[in-house]
Amino acid sequence: MRISNALPFIAILCMSCAFCVAQSSPSSAHPVPAGNPPSGPAAAPASTIVSSSVGPSAMLQPSLDAVQQVLIGLKMDKWKKGTVRTETSDKIAVIIKDLKETLPPLMSAGDAAPSVISKQLPVSRNIDALYDVILRVFEAARVAAPPEQIASLDKALSGLNTARMAYDDRLQDSAVAVEKQVSDLQTTVKAQAAIKCSTPAPVMVSVCPTPPTPPKVKRKPKPPASTAPPPGATTSPKPAN
């Protein structure tokens, strides 16, 4: 696919909480084998793609309707008999079933979130697979179908190819725009971290509080010395004058 270079980055985005949602598409969603689409025209500016609200239906549905109308209108009884006609009839039945059953819910999910890449990838894969099988039908028609049927198939196939290339270009440009957003965010975070590391930490001055003055202890006065004789002592009489 033309967007294969952007898929690894999308996987990384799905693992980060800010930019994407993880989405896995089961193989049953693709009833026909995927092909290798050719390169498309130059991509539009990413800013235009990201801001656009146009879903896949607006870009792809007209060409898909034309393909379905041509396939249903093919008259296989006018083809040359043989294995080519039988195998082509089976391929046409698979394509019409995919157009009616498998593709519509994928398109609805893409229309509901036109800027979400994880909702657009299933549509792109399915369209590329359809184109690959329709191309085989066209090659078989060149061998066994009448000229008018070959011409109608060629016109429908060309219209689908133009639409799918434009859609794949839009999807790839959206992935590039998201990648730029992530890169800008990483640059901003690194710059902020560098500024934070280069700013010296403020010096913390420790201010010790003044210790409290201990209270003055009042000393108790000593009692005066007693002049009374101790108990049991005899008192001498004073001499007379």
Foldseek 3Di string as FASTA:
>chain_A
DVQVVLVVVQVVQCVDPPGANDDDDDPVLAPFDFDDFDADDDFDALVVLLPDLDFLCVLAVVLLVLLLVLLVPDDLVQWDDDPLSVVLVVLSVSLNCSSVPRQVVLRVQRNVPVLHLSSCVSNLRNLRRSLVSLVSSLVSCVVINDPVSNVSSVVSSVSNSNSSNNSVSSSNSSSVVVVVVVVVVVVVVVVVVVVVVPDDDDDDDDDDDDDDDDDDDDDDDDDDDDPDDDPPDDDDDDDDD
